[in-house]
C-alpha atoms as a PDB file:
ATOM      1  CA  UNK A   1     107.336  95.099  76.137  1.00  0.00           C
ATOM      2  CA  UNK A   2     110.989  95.863  76.755  1.00  0.00           C
ATOM      3  CA  UNK A   3     112.911  95.178  79.927  1.00  0.00           C
ATOM      4  CA  UNK A   4     116.071  97.078  80.747  1.00  0.00           C
ATOM      5  CA  UNK A   5     117.994  98.130  83.837  1.00  0.00           C
ATOM      6  CA  UNK A   6     118.660 101.435  85.437  1.00  0.00           C
ATOM      7  CA  UNK A   7     121.246 100.346  88.369  1.00  0.00           C
ATOM      8  CA  UNK A   8     123.366 100.526  88.967  1.00  0.00           C
ATOM      9  CA  UNK A   9     122.173 100.866  85.246  1.00  0.00           C
ATOM     10  CA  UNK A  10     121.118 103.799  85.273  1.00  0.00           C
ATOM     11  CA  UNK A  11     122.796 111.076  85.757  1.00  0.00           C
ATOM     12  CA  UNK A  12     123.113 115.324  86.616  1.00  0.00           C
ATOM     13  CA  UNK A  13     124.158 119.168  86.939  1.00  0.00           C
ATOM     14  CA  UNK A  14     125.541 122.005  88.959  1.00  0.00           C
ATOM     15  CA  UNK A  15     123.388 124.901  90.121  1.00  0.00           C
ATOM     16  CA  UNK A  16     122.261 126.106  86.667  1.00  0.00           C
ATOM     17  CA  UNK A  17     118.954 127.577  85.711  1.00  0.00           C
ATOM     18  CA  UNK A  18     115.825 125.542  85.175  1.00  0.00           C
ATOM     19  CA  UNK A  19     114.045 124.461  88.392  1.00  0.00           C
ATOM     20  CA  UNK A  20     111.560 121.721  87.694  1.00  0.00           C
ATOM     21  CA  UNK A  21     108.226 121.610  89.491  1.00  0.00           C
ATOM     22  CA  UNK A  22     107.487 118.507  91.439  1.00  0.00           C
ATOM     23  CA  UNK A  23     104.376 116.426  90.690  1.00  0.00           C
ATOM     24  CA  UNK A  24     101.554 117.385  92.896  1.00  0.00           C
ATOM     25  CA  UNK A  25     101.302 113.796  94.222  1.00  0.00           C
ATOM     26  CA  UNK A  26     104.981 113.591  95.296  1.00  0.00           C
ATOM     27  CA  UNK A  27     104.295 114.565  98.936  1.00  0.00           C
ATOM     28  CA  UNK A  28     100.950 112.965  99.807  1.00  0.00           C
ATOM     29  CA  UNK A  29     102.577 111.321 102.865  1.00  0.00           C
ATOM     30  CA  UNK A  30     105.231 112.406 105.213  1.00  0.00           C
ATOM     31  CA  UNK A  31     108.834 111.535 104.543  1.00  0.00           C
ATOM     32  CA  UNK A  32     110.520 110.665 101.214  1.00  0.00           C
ATOM     33  CA  UNK A  33     110.288 107.149  99.791  1.00  0.00           C
ATOM     34  CA  UNK A  34     112.771 105.793  97.234  1.00  0.00           C
ATOM     35  CA  UNK A  35     111.682 104.442  93.836  1.00  0.00           C
ATOM     36  CA  UNK A  36     111.116 100.759  93.415  1.00  0.00           C
ATOM     37  CA  UNK A  37     110.487 100.706  89.638  1.00  0.00           C
ATOM     38  CA  UNK A  38     109.700 103.086  86.769  1.00  0.00           C
ATOM     39  CA  UNK A  39     107.830 102.590  83.622  1.00  0.00           C
ATOM     40  CA  UNK A  40     106.005 104.192  80.617  1.00  0.00           C
ATOM     41  CA  UNK A  41     103.234 102.768  78.475  1.00  0.00           C
ATOM     42  CA  UNK A  42     103.700 101.490  74.945  1.00  0.00           C
ATOM     43  CA  UNK A  43     101.040 102.479  72.378  1.00  0.00           C
ATOM     44  CA  UNK A  44     101.203 100.708  69.040  1.00  0.00           C
ATOM     45  CA  UNK A  45     104.790  99.681  69.900  1.00  0.00           C
ATOM     46  CA  UNK A  46     105.888 103.244  70.732  1.00  0.00           C
ATOM     47  CA  UNK A  47     106.345 104.913  74.113  1.00  0.00           C
ATOM     48  CA  UNK A  48     103.410 107.130  75.111  1.00  0.00           C
ATOM     49  CA  UNK A  49     101.957 108.944  78.085  1.00  0.00           C
ATOM     50  CA  UNK A  50     103.736 109.898  81.309  1.00  0.00           C
ATOM     51  CA  UNK A  51     106.607 108.242  83.097  1.00  0.00           C
ATOM     52  CA  UNK A  52     105.471 106.633  86.341  1.00  0.00           C
ATOM     53  CA  UNK A  53     107.456 105.872  89.408  1.00  0.00           C
ATOM     54  CA  UNK A  54     106.385 103.131  91.871  1.00  0.00           C
ATOM     55  CA  UNK A  55     107.691 103.967  95.325  1.00  0.00           C
ATOM     56  CA  UNK A  56     108.577 101.588  98.079  1.00  0.00           C
ATOM     57  CA  UNK A  57     105.722 102.774 100.288  1.00  0.00           C
ATOM     58  CA  UNK A  58     103.216 101.652  97.627  1.00  0.00           C
ATOM     59  CA  UNK A  59     102.437 104.993  96.028  1.00  0.00           C
ATOM     60  CA  UNK A  60     102.779 105.627  92.288  1.00  0.00           C
ATOM     61  CA  UNK A  61     103.684 109.134  91.114  1.00  0.00           C
ATOM     62  CA  UNK A  62     104.051 110.596  87.590  1.00  0.00           C
ATOM     63  CA  UNK A  63     106.815 112.754  86.136  1.00  0.00           C
ATOM     64  CA  UNK A  64     104.647 114.878  83.792  1.00  0.00           C
ATOM     65  CA  UNK A  65     107.482 116.974  82.347  1.00  0.00           C
ATOM     66  CA  UNK A  66     109.615 113.932  81.254  1.00  0.00           C
ATOM     67  CA  UNK A  67     109.619 113.287  77.484  1.00  0.00           C
ATOM     68  CA  UNK A  68     108.258 109.912  76.329  1.00  0.00           C
ATOM     69  CA  UNK A  69     110.510 109.827  73.221  1.00  0.00           C
ATOM     70  CA  UNK A  70     113.910 111.241  72.086  1.00  0.00           C
ATOM     71  CA  UNK A  71     114.458 113.895  69.385  1.00  0.00           C
ATOM     72  CA  UNK A  72     116.846 113.927  66.456  1.00  0.00           C
ATOM     73  CA  UNK A  73     119.208 116.704  65.411  1.00  0.00           C
ATOM     74  CA  UNK A  74     116.307 118.533  63.645  1.00  0.00           C
ATOM     75  CA  UNK A  75     114.181 118.472  66.725  1.00  0.00           C
ATOM     76  CA  UNK A  76     111.845 115.806  65.371  1.00  0.00           C
ATOM     77  CA  UNK A  77     110.434 113.203  67.697  1.00  0.00           C
ATOM     78  CA  UNK A  78     111.778 109.706  67.179  1.00  0.00           C
ATOM     79  CA  UNK A  79     110.126 106.386  68.135  1.00  0.00           C
ATOM     80  CA  UNK A  80     112.928 105.628  70.634  1.00  0.00           C
ATOM     81  CA  UNK A  81     112.109 105.742  74.307  1.00  0.00           C
ATOM     82  CA  UNK A  82     113.067 108.984  76.069  1.00  0.00           C
ATOM     83  CA  UNK A  83     116.038 109.272  78.356  1.00  0.00           C
ATOM     84  CA  UNK A  84     115.165 108.230  81.899  1.00  0.00           C
ATOM     85  CA  UNK A  85     117.389 106.799  84.708  1.00  0.00           C
ATOM     86  CA  UNK A  86     117.059 106.160  88.397  1.00  0.00           C
ATOM     87  CA  UNK A  87     119.983 106.246  90.846  1.00  0.00           C
ATOM     88  CA  UNK A  88     121.051 103.063  92.668  1.00  0.00           C
ATOM     89  CA  UNK A  89     119.639 104.336  95.971  1.00  0.00           C
ATOM     90  CA  UNK A  90     116.298 105.005  94.323  1.00  0.00           C
ATOM     91  CA  UNK A  91     116.259 108.655  95.367  1.00  0.00           C
ATOM     92  CA  UNK A  92     117.213 110.580  92.228  1.00  0.00           C
ATOM     93  CA  UNK A  93     115.893 110.531  88.652  1.00  0.00           C
ATOM     94  CA  UNK A  94     117.346 111.845  85.413  1.00  0.00           C
ATOM     95  CA  UNK A  95     115.192 112.474  82.353  1.00  0.00           C
ATOM     96  CA  UNK A  96     114.949 114.682  79.246  1.00  0.00           C
ATOM     97  CA  UNK A  97     112.452 117.469  79.654  1.00  0.00           C
ATOM     98  CA  UNK A  98     109.565 117.367  77.168  1.00  0.00           C
ATOM     99  CA  UNK A  99     109.516 121.093  76.553  1.00  0.00           C
ATOM    100  CA  UNK A 100     113.072 121.396  75.233  1.00  0.00           C
ATOM    101  CA  UNK A 101     114.599 117.882  75.580  1.00  0.00           C
ATOM    102  CA  UNK A 102     117.232 119.133  77.892  1.00  0.00           C
ATOM    103  CA  UNK A 103     118.562 116.672  80.524  1.00  0.00           C
ATOM    104  CA  UNK A 104     117.218 117.305  84.044  1.00  0.00           C
ATOM    105  CA  UNK A 105     118.028 115.672  87.407  1.00  0.00           C
ATOM    106  CA  UNK A 106     115.522 115.779  90.287  1.00  0.00           C
ATOM    107  CA  UNK A 107     114.904 114.091  93.650  1.00  0.00           C
ATOM    108  CA  UNK A 108     112.315 111.359  93.543  1.00  0.00           C
ATOM    109  CA  UNK A 109     110.747 112.940  96.608  1.00  0.00           C
ATOM    110  CA  UNK A 110     109.956 116.102  94.583  1.00  0.00           C
ATOM    111  CA  UNK A 111     111.243 119.655  94.829  1.00  0.00           C
ATOM    112  CA  UNK A 112     113.363 121.631  92.392  1.00  0.00           C
ATOM    113  CA  UNK A 113     115.283 119.925  89.663  1.00  0.00           C
ATOM    114  CA  UNK A 114     118.422 121.004  87.866  1.00  0.00           C
ATOM    115  CA  UNK A 115     118.853 121.332  84.084  1.00  0.00           C
ATOM    116  CA  UNK A 116     122.190 119.971  82.879  1.00  0.00           C
ATOM    117  CA  UNK A 117     124.548 121.831  80.522  1.00  0.00           C
ATOM    118  CA  UNK A 118     123.398 121.636  76.935  1.00  0.00           C
ATOM    119  CA  UNK A 119     126.997 120.599  76.030  1.00  0.00           C
ATOM    120  CA  UNK A 120     126.247 117.141  77.406  1.00  0.00           C
ATOM    121  CA  UNK A 121     123.760 116.595  74.515  1.00  0.00           C
ATOM    122  CA  UNK A 122     124.202 119.587  72.183  1.00  0.00           C
ATOM    123  CA  UNK A 123     122.432 118.379  69.039  1.00  0.00           C
ATOM    124  CA  UNK A 124     119.901 115.763  69.959  1.00  0.00           C
ATOM    125  CA  UNK A 125     119.113 112.958  72.373  1.00  0.00           C
ATOM    126  CA  UNK A 126     118.654 110.336  69.606  1.00  0.00           C
ATOM    127  CA  UNK A 127     121.996 108.581  70.066  1.00  0.00           C
ATOM    128  CA  UNK A 128     122.835 109.066  73.694  1.00  0.00           C
ATOM    129  CA  UNK A 129     122.546 106.662  76.675  1.00  0.00           C
ATOM    130  CA  UNK A 130     122.840 107.787  80.259  1.00  0.00           C
ATOM    131  CA  UNK A 131     123.660 106.401  83.626  1.00  0.00           C
ATOM    132  CA  UNK A 132     123.352 107.795  87.151  1.00  0.00           C
ATOM    133  CA  UNK A 133     125.868 107.053  89.926  1.00  0.00           C
ATOM    134  CA  UNK A 134     124.488 105.106  92.858  1.00  0.00           C
ATOM    135  CA  UNK A 135     123.942 108.270  94.927  1.00  0.00           C
ATOM    136  CA  UNK A 136     122.640 110.258  91.960  1.00  0.00           C
ATOM    137  CA  UNK A 137     125.386 112.845  92.245  1.00  0.00           C
ATOM    138  CA  UNK A 138     127.074 112.025  88.980  1.00  0.00           C
ATOM    139  CA  UNK A 139     125.784 111.644  85.410  1.00  0.00           C
ATOM    140  CA  UNK A 140     127.342 109.639  82.570  1.00  0.00           C
ATOM    141  CA  UNK A 141     126.408 110.504  79.003  1.00  0.00           C
ATOM    142  CA  UNK A 142     127.546 108.241  76.187  1.00  0.00           C
ATOM    143  CA  UNK A 143     126.971 109.426  72.596  1.00  0.00           C
ATOM    144  CA  UNK A 144     127.041 105.989  70.974  1.00  0.00           C
ATOM    145  CA  UNK A 145     129.561 107.223  68.348  1.00  0.00           C
ATOM    146  CA  UNK A 146     130.679 104.091  66.550  1.00  0.00           C
ATOM    147  CA  UNK A 147     133.873 105.755  65.378  1.00  0.00           C
ATOM    148  CA  UNK A 148     134.772 106.970  68.880  1.00  0.00           C
ATOM    149  CA  UNK A 149     135.116 110.594  67.905  1.00  0.00           C
ATOM    150  CA  UNK A 150     132.864 111.852  70.656  1.00  0.00           C
ATOM    151  CA  UNK A 151     134.025 111.332  74.255  1.00  0.00           C
ATOM    152  CA  UNK A 152     131.836 109.895  76.989  1.00  0.00           C
ATOM    153  CA  UNK A 153     131.190 112.554  79.571  1.00  0.00           C
ATOM    154  CA  UNK A 154     130.828 112.313  83.353  1.00  0.00           C
ATOM    155  CA  UNK A 155     129.209 115.329  85.002  1.00  0.00           C
ATOM    156  CA  UNK A 156     129.408 115.942  88.810  1.00  0.00           C
ATOM    157  CA  UNK A 157     126.339 117.710  90.033  1.00  0.00           C
ATOM    158  CA  UNK A 158     127.836 119.405  93.101  1.00  0.00           C
ATOM    159  CA  UNK A 159     130.776 120.994  91.403  1.00  0.00           C
ATOM    160  CA  UNK A 160     129.784 121.269  87.680  1.00  0.00           C
ATOM    161  CA  UNK A 161     132.902 119.538  86.652  1.00  0.00           C
ATOM    162  CA  UNK A 162     132.838 117.476  83.458  1.00  0.00           C
ATOM    163  CA  UNK A 163     135.291 114.554  83.009  1.00  0.00           C
ATOM    164  CA  UNK A 164     135.790 113.106  79.549  1.00  0.00           C
ATOM    165  CA  UNK A 165     136.484 109.424  78.850  1.00  0.00           C
ATOM    166  CA  UNK A 166     137.667 107.911  75.563  1.00  0.00           C
ATOM    167  CA  UNK A 167     134.781 107.531  73.091  1.00  0.00           C
ATOM    168  CA  UNK A 168     136.139 104.198  71.793  1.00  0.00           C
ATOM    169  CA  UNK A 169     135.462 102.616  75.093  1.00  0.00           C
ATOM    170  CA  UNK A 170     131.976 101.386  76.011  1.00  0.00           C
ATOM    171  CA  UNK A 171     130.925 102.408  79.473  1.00  0.00           C
ATOM    172  CA  UNK A 172     129.698  99.486  81.680  1.00  0.00           C
ATOM    173  CA  UNK A 173     128.720 101.489  84.721  1.00  0.00           C
ATOM    174  CA  UNK A 174     129.794 103.345  87.812  1.00  0.00           C
ATOM    175  CA  UNK A 175     131.555 101.662  90.732  1.00  0.00           C
ATOM    176  CA  UNK A 176     129.639 101.109  93.981  1.00  0.00           C
ATOM    177  CA  UNK A 177     130.684 104.528  95.344  1.00  0.00           C
ATOM    178  CA  UNK A 178     130.446 106.404  92.013  1.00  0.00           C
ATOM    179  CA  UNK A 179     134.116 107.425  92.082  1.00  0.00           C
ATOM    180  CA  UNK A 180     135.104 105.238  89.119  1.00  0.00           C
ATOM    181  CA  UNK A 181     133.592 104.259  85.735  1.00  0.00           C
ATOM    182  CA  UNK A 182     134.183 100.748  84.343  1.00  0.00           C
ATOM    183  CA  UNK A 183     134.598 100.720  80.555  1.00  0.00           C
ATOM    184  CA  UNK A 184     135.400  98.052  77.867  1.00  0.00           C
ATOM    185  CA  UNK A 185     137.500  98.609  74.756  1.00  0.00           C
ATOM    186  CA  UNK A 186     137.386  95.840  72.111  1.00  0.00           C
ATOM    187  CA  UNK A 187     140.597  95.024  70.284  1.00  0.00           C
ATOM    188  CA  UNK A 188     141.122  93.772  66.784  1.00  0.00           C
ATOM    189  CA  UNK A 189     142.258  90.287  67.972  1.00  0.00           C
ATOM    190  CA  UNK A 190     139.009  89.115  69.606  1.00  0.00           C
ATOM    191  CA  UNK A 191     140.159  90.447  72.997  1.00  0.00           C
ATOM    192  CA  UNK A 192     138.853  93.206  75.146  1.00  0.00           C
ATOM    193  CA  UNK A 193     140.403  95.488  77.762  1.00  0.00           C
ATOM    194  CA  UNK A 194     138.567  96.485  80.934  1.00  0.00           C
ATOM    195  CA  UNK A 195     139.436  99.963  82.303  1.00  0.00           C
ATOM    196  CA  UNK A 196     138.566 101.436  85.679  1.00  0.00           C
ATOM    197  CA  UNK A 197     138.622 105.243  85.157  1.00  0.00           C
ATOM    198  CA  UNK A 198     138.998 107.303  88.281  1.00  0.00           C
ATOM    199  CA  UNK A 199     137.555 110.778  87.942  1.00  0.00           C
ATOM    200  CA  UNK A 200     140.933 112.305  88.890  1.00  0.00           C
ATOM    201  CA  UNK A 201     142.198 111.251  85.470  1.00  0.00           C
ATOM    202  CA  UNK A 202     144.097 108.048  86.479  1.00  0.00           C
ATOM    203  CA  UNK A 203     142.979 104.537  85.457  1.00  0.00           C
ATOM    204  CA  UNK A 204     143.693 100.806  85.908  1.00  0.00           C
ATOM    205  CA  UNK A 205     143.415  98.619  82.823  1.00  0.00           C
ATOM    206  CA  UNK A 206     143.925  94.955  82.082  1.00  0.00           C
ATOM    207  CA  UNK A 207     142.924  92.424  79.450  1.00  0.00           C
ATOM    208  CA  UNK A 208     140.922  89.790  81.367  1.00  0.00           C
ATOM    209  CA  UNK A 209     140.583  86.091  80.571  1.00  0.00           C
ATOM    210  CA  UNK A 210     137.773  85.147  78.210  1.00  0.00           C
ATOM    211  CA  UNK A 211     135.555  83.885  81.046  1.00  0.00           C
ATOM    212  CA  UNK A 212     135.377  87.484  82.327  1.00  0.00           C
ATOM    213  CA  UNK A 213     135.314  89.097  78.898  1.00  0.00           C
ATOM    214  CA  UNK A 214     132.297  87.036  77.805  1.00  0.00           C
ATOM    215  CA  UNK A 215     130.416  87.269  81.150  1.00  0.00           C
ATOM    216  CA  UNK A 216     126.713  88.184  81.051  1.00  0.00           C
ATOM    217  CA  UNK A 217     127.243  91.092  83.415  1.00  0.00           C
ATOM    218  CA  UNK A 218     130.273  92.744  84.976  1.00  0.00           C
ATOM    219  CA  UNK A 219     130.202  95.424  87.690  1.00  0.00           C
ATOM    220  CA  UNK A 220     132.925  97.285  89.624  1.00  0.00           C
ATOM    221  CA  UNK A 221     133.235  97.422  93.459  1.00  0.00           C
ATOM    222  CA  UNK A 222     133.917 100.586  95.496  1.00  0.00           C
ATOM    223  CA  UNK A 223     137.648  99.754  95.678  1.00  0.00           C
ATOM    224  CA  UNK A 224     137.887 100.521  91.957  1.00  0.00           C
ATOM    225  CA  UNK A 225     139.625  97.232  91.164  1.00  0.00           C
ATOM    226  CA  UNK A 226     137.335  94.272  91.984  1.00  0.00           C
ATOM    227  CA  UNK A 227     135.051  93.230  89.141  1.00  0.00           C
ATOM    228  CA  UNK A 228     132.224  90.841  89.766  1.00  0.00           C
ATOM    229  CA  UNK A 229     131.576  88.730  86.653  1.00  0.00           C
ATOM    230  CA  UNK A 230     128.263  86.818  86.332  1.00  0.00           C
ATOM    231  CA  UNK A 231     128.913  83.870  84.010  1.00  0.00           C
ATOM    232  CA  UNK A 232     126.119  82.507  81.868  1.00  0.00           C
ATOM    233  CA  UNK A 233     124.266  79.398  82.937  1.00  0.00           C
ATOM    234  CA  UNK A 234     123.800  76.483  80.450  1.00  0.00           C
ATOM    235  CA  UNK A 235     120.412  74.772  80.446  1.00  0.00           C
ATOM    236  CA  UNK A 236     121.544  71.979  78.157  1.00  0.00           C
ATOM    237  CA  UNK A 237     124.383  71.019  80.408  1.00  0.00           C
ATOM    238  CA  UNK A 238     122.323  71.873  83.546  1.00  0.00           C
ATOM    239  CA  UNK A 239     124.964  74.321  84.753  1.00  0.00           C
ATOM    240  CA  UNK A 240     123.928  77.098  87.093  1.00  0.00           C
ATOM    241  CA  UNK A 241     125.178  80.652  86.542  1.00  0.00           C
ATOM    242  CA  UNK A 242     128.464  81.270  88.276  1.00  0.00           C
ATOM    243  CA  UNK A 243     130.108  84.264  89.925  1.00  0.00           C
ATOM    244  CA  UNK A 244     133.745  85.004  89.641  1.00  0.00           C
ATOM    245  CA  UNK A 245     135.778  87.976  90.980  1.00  0.00           C
ATOM    246  CA  UNK A 246     138.534  89.545  88.904  1.00  0.00           C
ATOM    247  CA  UNK A 247     141.223  91.978  90.248  1.00  0.00           C
ATOM    248  CA  UNK A 248     142.068  94.594  87.608  1.00  0.00           C
ATOM    249  CA  UNK A 249     145.369  95.469  89.391  1.00  0.00           C
ATOM    250  CA  UNK A 250     146.837  91.998  89.871  1.00  0.00           C
ATOM    251  CA  UNK A 251     144.964  89.954  87.199  1.00  0.00           C
ATOM    252  CA  UNK A 252     143.902  87.438  89.902  1.00  0.00           C
ATOM    253  CA  UNK A 253     140.740  85.514  89.128  1.00  0.00           C
ATOM    254  CA  UNK A 254     138.806  83.720  91.808  1.00  0.00           C
ATOM    255  CA  UNK A 255     137.830  80.105  91.464  1.00  0.00           C
ATOM    256  CA  UNK A 256     134.185  81.123  91.415  1.00  0.00           C
ATOM    257  CA  UNK A 257     131.051  79.832  93.017  1.00  0.00           C
ATOM    258  CA  UNK A 258     127.774  78.540  91.570  1.00  0.00           C
ATOM    259  CA  UNK A 259     124.778  80.707  92.202  1.00  0.00           C
ATOM    260  CA  UNK A 260     121.718  79.235  93.756  1.00  0.00           C
ATOM    261  CA  UNK A 261     119.762  79.877  90.536  1.00  0.00           C
ATOM    262  CA  UNK A 262     118.453  77.716  87.647  1.00  0.00           C
ATOM    263  CA  UNK A 263     120.574  77.537  84.504  1.00  0.00           C
ATOM    264  CA  UNK A 264     118.168  79.983  82.827  1.00  0.00           C
ATOM    265  CA  UNK A 265     118.345  82.365  85.737  1.00  0.00           C
ATOM    266  CA  UNK A 266     121.469  84.302  84.726  1.00  0.00           C
ATOM    267  CA  UNK A 267     121.156  87.881  85.983  1.00  0.00           C
ATOM    268  CA  UNK A 268     120.771  90.586  83.236  1.00  0.00           C
ATOM    269  CA  UNK A 269     121.907  93.387  85.608  1.00  0.00           C
ATOM    270  CA  UNK A 270     123.908  93.612  88.775  1.00  0.00           C
ATOM    271  CA  UNK A 271     125.691  96.059  91.047  1.00  0.00           C
ATOM    272  CA  UNK A 272     127.819  96.091  94.157  1.00  0.00           C
ATOM    273  CA  UNK A 273     126.234  97.595  97.282  1.00  0.00           C
ATOM    274  CA  UNK A 274     127.930  99.891  99.780  1.00  0.00           C
ATOM    275  CA  UNK A 275     128.448  97.064 102.257  1.00  0.00           C
ATOM    276  CA  UNK A 276     130.309  94.851  99.809  1.00  0.00           C
ATOM    277  CA  UNK A 277     127.370  92.672  98.774  1.00  0.00           C
ATOM    278  CA  UNK A 278     125.808  92.249  95.355  1.00  0.00           C
ATOM    279  CA  UNK A 279     122.339  93.019  94.026  1.00  0.00           C
ATOM    280  CA  UNK A 280     121.209  91.193  90.823  1.00  0.00           C
ATOM    281  CA  UNK A 281     118.113  91.130  88.639  1.00  0.00           C
ATOM    282  CA  UNK A 282     116.555  88.106  87.022  1.00  0.00           C
ATOM    283  CA  UNK A 283     113.528  88.303  84.709  1.00  0.00           C
ATOM    284  CA  UNK A 284     111.140  85.664  83.549  1.00  0.00           C
ATOM    285  CA  UNK A 285     109.334  86.902  80.416  1.00  0.00           C
ATOM    286  CA  UNK A 286     106.081  85.563  79.059  1.00  0.00           C
ATOM    287  CA  UNK A 287     105.321  86.197  75.349  1.00  0.00           C
ATOM    288  CA  UNK A 288     102.503  88.678  75.000  1.00  0.00           C
ATOM    289  CA  UNK A 289     101.912  88.890  78.693  1.00  0.00           C
ATOM    290  CA  UNK A 290     103.459  90.009  81.908  1.00  0.00           C
ATOM    291  CA  UNK A 291     107.045  89.537  83.044  1.00  0.00           C
ATOM    292  CA  UNK A 292     108.220  88.764  86.550  1.00  0.00           C
ATOM    293  CA  UNK A 293     111.277  90.625  87.894  1.00  0.00           C
ATOM    294  CA  UNK A 294     113.173  89.177  90.872  1.00  0.00           C
ATOM    295  CA  UNK A 295     115.515  91.375  92.844  1.00  0.00           C
ATOM    296  CA  UNK A 296     118.184  89.231  94.527  1.00  0.00           C
ATOM    297  CA  UNK A 297     120.985  89.740  96.955  1.00  0.00           C
ATOM    298  CA  UNK A 298     124.065  87.644  96.283  1.00  0.00           C
ATOM    299  CA  UNK A 299     126.853  86.668  98.654  1.00  0.00           C
ATOM    300  CA  UNK A 300     130.045  87.066  96.623  1.00  0.00           C
ATOM    301  CA  UNK A 301     131.872  84.561  98.816  1.00  0.00           C
ATOM    302  CA  UNK A 302     129.404  81.662  98.819  1.00  0.00           C
ATOM    303  CA  UNK A 303     127.015  82.403  95.933  1.00  0.00           C
ATOM    304  CA  UNK A 304     124.059  82.248  98.286  1.00  0.00           C
ATOM    305  CA  UNK A 305     121.049  84.045  96.863  1.00  0.00           C
ATOM    306  CA  UNK A 306     118.106  85.601  98.702  1.00  0.00           C
ATOM    307  CA  UNK A 307     115.051  87.195  97.095  1.00  0.00           C
ATOM    308  CA  UNK A 308     114.780  90.768  98.259  1.00  0.00           C
ATOM    309  CA  UNK A 309     111.884  91.941  96.107  1.00  0.00           C
ATOM    310  CA  UNK A 310     109.716  90.868  93.206  1.00  0.00           C
ATOM    311  CA  UNK A 311     107.110  92.506  91.022  1.00  0.00           C
ATOM    312  CA  UNK A 312     105.258  91.926  87.780  1.00  0.00           C
ATOM    313  CA  UNK A 313     105.464  94.176  84.755  1.00  0.00           C
ATOM    314  CA  UNK A 314     102.305  94.148  82.612  1.00  0.00           C
ATOM    315  CA  UNK A 315     102.261  93.856  78.789  1.00  0.00           C
ATOM    316  CA  UNK A 316     102.512  97.014  76.706  1.00  0.00           C
ATOM    317  CA  UNK A 317     104.918  98.762  79.000  1.00  0.00           C
ATOM    318  CA  UNK A 318     108.516  99.826  78.764  1.00  0.00           C
ATOM    319  CA  UNK A 319     109.857  99.088  82.231  1.00  0.00           C
ATOM    320  CA  UNK A 320     112.986  99.823  84.245  1.00  0.00           C
ATOM    321  CA  UNK A 321     114.062  98.778  87.675  1.00  0.00           C
ATOM    322  CA  UNK A 322     115.302 101.124  90.356  1.00  0.00           C
ATOM    323  CA  UNK A 323     117.624  99.330  92.825  1.00  0.00           C
ATOM    324  CA  UNK A 324     116.953 101.338  96.025  1.00  0.00           C
ATOM    325  CA  UNK A 325     119.150 100.662  99.065  1.00  0.00           C
ATOM    326  CA  UNK A 326     116.167 100.533 101.408  1.00  0.00           C
ATOM    327  CA  UNK A 327     113.742  97.677 101.077  1.00  0.00           C
END
């Protein structure tokens, strides 16, 4: 079993050819429902079968045209899990189409999808990772080029515009409103620079203190400058995870607050919400069995934590979380 995040984790195209048929089960009840979680089975350690979306109204639907695995430059199937992402509001999915491994974006509620330009992944999908903006209107494609020769690309669905970001910088995610992308560039002196790239071509960059640089999770607010840094807990010293806020423009670092979590409960994923709050994910894994995922809301001022949702992921599944805005 593998657990990973698609929030804030976790992209799209202008009106090009390639409408995708919706699964027949996508409209069995009136009104759209956002995704709560998405998973695919593991057979002998490899992804297999269809991708499945669990909706917030209790239904489960499949995405039958989504590929279970990636392909290499020769078109051969790999053993790596196929590209799949869910937008922060839980209403849009991105995946690679099984028939031709082209990236496609589609509403969770069903209806036509849109095939993305082949230029976003021209040779293969083997090395790419993707993220969707919170509203599902922008797609980030990172080629995982260790030498930084290939740029990271951000594609805006409504306009067809592609923005390129430096390949040497590792994308950490979209801001809460999707207008910026937070990246990290590692230096040769054990330091790292955080950069907030605006899609108009401007950016804000700063080398943060080590407490932010080494945080378990960092995520950018809608203002394009405030970074929430979730600091690791320490079980031996009985220290709870902490939250600190860092201003990329001024370099100001908040004193920080302890989170109402156990030392082992450091979030593995987090994102800002539209109202200035934070959503975080904590997972308790059990060897060979199920894992429990807790979806939390965090008050950035006090560190107060409330459980918003929880669900169990069974063994032999590759599982992702979809952080929908509506509970």
